[in-house]
């Protein structure tokens, strides 16, 4: 089984990096660096899945795959 896709981007408003997992509703985390945001979202993913198990909610399979592209000038 493949793992969930994670987006990491810089937020001017928050003054740091946001990491989110599109397949897991509202699963995101903040970090001062991309690496810290990734560490935190991995913790959030584990907590999200554990909470879903405990409450009997379905856990979606990884399905989000972004389009990777490069803009040339």
C-alpha atoms as a PDB file:
ATOM      1  CA  UNK A   1       0.000   0.000   0.000  1.00  0.00           C
ATOM      2  CA  UNK A   2       1.338   3.414  -0.907  1.00  0.00           C
ATOM      3  CA  UNK A   3       1.334   6.229   1.604  1.00  0.00           C
ATOM      4  CA  UNK A   4      -0.629   9.462   1.572  1.00  0.00           C
ATOM      5  CA  UNK A   5       0.535  12.420  -0.486  1.00  0.00           C
ATOM      6  CA  UNK A   6       1.654  15.398   1.626  1.00  0.00           C
ATOM      7  CA  UNK A   7       1.639  19.018   0.453  1.00  0.00           C
ATOM      8  CA  UNK A   8       4.096  21.405   2.107  1.00  0.00           C
ATOM      9  CA  UNK A   9       3.964  25.118   1.422  1.00  0.00           C
ATOM     10  CA  UNK A  10       5.071  28.383   3.012  1.00  0.00           C
ATOM     11  CA  UNK A  11       2.371  30.551   4.595  1.00  0.00           C
ATOM     12  CA  UNK A  12       3.172  34.266   4.811  1.00  0.00           C
ATOM     13  CA  UNK A  13       0.175  34.726   7.103  1.00  0.00           C
ATOM     14  CA  UNK A  14       1.408  32.105   9.579  1.00  0.00           C
ATOM     15  CA  UNK A  15       5.111  32.843   9.154  1.00  0.00           C
ATOM     16  CA  UNK A  16       6.023  29.206   8.614  1.00  0.00           C
ATOM     17  CA  UNK A  17       5.300  26.040   6.699  1.00  0.00           C
ATOM     18  CA  UNK A  18       2.011  24.188   6.469  1.00  0.00           C
ATOM     19  CA  UNK A  19       1.863  20.486   5.657  1.00  0.00           C
ATOM     20  CA  UNK A  20      -1.431  18.842   4.801  1.00  0.00           C
ATOM     21  CA  UNK A  21      -2.708  15.466   3.651  1.00  0.00           C
ATOM     22  CA  UNK A  22      -5.493  16.000   1.078  1.00  0.00           C
ATOM     23  CA  UNK A  23      -6.946  12.486   1.500  1.00  0.00           C
ATOM     24  CA  UNK A  24      -7.486  12.973   5.260  1.00  0.00           C
ATOM     25  CA  UNK A  25     -10.016  15.727   5.878  1.00  0.00           C
ATOM     26  CA  UNK A  26      -8.536  18.572   7.969  1.00  0.00           C
ATOM     27  CA  UNK A  27      -5.262  16.751   8.617  1.00  0.00           C
ATOM     28  CA  UNK A  28      -2.581  19.435   8.632  1.00  0.00           C
ATOM     29  CA  UNK A  29       0.285  20.769  10.723  1.00  0.00           C
ATOM     30  CA  UNK A  30       2.602  23.755  11.104  1.00  0.00           C
ATOM     31  CA  UNK A  31       6.382  23.970  11.327  1.00  0.00           C
ATOM     32  CA  UNK A  32       9.010  26.693  11.212  1.00  0.00           C
ATOM     33  CA  UNK A  33      10.823  24.700   8.509  1.00  0.00           C
ATOM     34  CA  UNK A  34       9.541  22.259   5.868  1.00  0.00           C
ATOM     35  CA  UNK A  35      11.180  19.413   7.791  1.00  0.00           C
ATOM     36  CA  UNK A  36       9.415  20.347  11.040  1.00  0.00           C
ATOM     37  CA  UNK A  37       6.076  20.684   9.230  1.00  0.00           C
ATOM     38  CA  UNK A  38       6.589  17.187   7.790  1.00  0.00           C
ATOM     39  CA  UNK A  39       7.413  15.741  11.226  1.00  0.00           C
ATOM     40  CA  UNK A  40       4.304  17.351  12.705  1.00  0.00           C
ATOM     41  CA  UNK A  41       1.959  16.209   9.932  1.00  0.00           C
ATOM     42  CA  UNK A  42       3.215  12.640  10.357  1.00  0.00           C
ATOM     43  CA  UNK A  43       2.150  12.879  14.028  1.00  0.00           C
ATOM     44  CA  UNK A  44      -1.193  14.380  12.954  1.00  0.00           C
ATOM     45  CA  UNK A  45      -1.712  11.541  10.440  1.00  0.00           C
ATOM     46  CA  UNK A  46      -1.153   8.928  13.129  1.00  0.00           C
ATOM     47  CA  UNK A  47      -3.583  10.702  15.494  1.00  0.00           C
ATOM     48  CA  UNK A  48      -6.157  11.113  12.677  1.00  0.00           C
ATOM     49  CA  UNK A  49      -6.064   7.410  11.820  1.00  0.00           C
ATOM     50  CA  UNK A  50      -6.209   6.338  15.477  1.00  0.00           C
ATOM     51  CA  UNK A  51      -9.215   8.616  16.102  1.00  0.00           C
ATOM     52  CA  UNK A  52     -10.986   7.245  13.011  1.00  0.00           C
ATOM     53  CA  UNK A  53     -10.366   3.660  14.192  1.00  0.00           C
ATOM     54  CA  UNK A  54     -11.685   4.429  17.667  1.00  0.00           C
ATOM     55  CA  UNK A  55     -14.824   6.130  16.395  1.00  0.00           C
ATOM     56  CA  UNK A  56     -15.517   3.554  13.690  1.00  0.00           C
ATOM     57  CA  UNK A  57     -15.150   6.051  10.841  1.00  0.00           C
ATOM     58  CA  UNK A  58     -13.803   4.866   7.489  1.00  0.00           C
ATOM     59  CA  UNK A  59     -10.165   5.549   6.657  1.00  0.00           C
ATOM     60  CA  UNK A  60      -9.771   6.509   3.002  1.00  0.00           C
ATOM     61  CA  UNK A  61      -7.200   4.790   0.854  1.00  0.00           C
ATOM     62  CA  UNK A  62      -4.461   7.026  -0.528  1.00  0.00           C
ATOM     63  CA  UNK A  63      -5.682   8.297  -3.868  1.00  0.00           C
ATOM     64  CA  UNK A  64      -4.581  11.896  -4.277  1.00  0.00           C
ATOM     65  CA  UNK A  65      -1.788  12.242  -6.793  1.00  0.00           C
ATOM     66  CA  UNK A  66      -0.852  15.771  -7.808  1.00  0.00           C
ATOM     67  CA  UNK A  67       0.107  16.717 -11.313  1.00  0.00           C
ATOM     68  CA  UNK A  68       3.802  17.550 -11.358  1.00  0.00           C
ATOM     69  CA  UNK A  69       4.712  20.187 -13.868  1.00  0.00           C
ATOM     70  CA  UNK A  70       7.431  22.694 -14.613  1.00  0.00           C
ATOM     71  CA  UNK A  71       6.921  26.145 -16.034  1.00  0.00           C
ATOM     72  CA  UNK A  72       9.549  27.160 -18.570  1.00  0.00           C
ATOM     73  CA  UNK A  73      10.168  30.642 -19.833  1.00  0.00           C
END
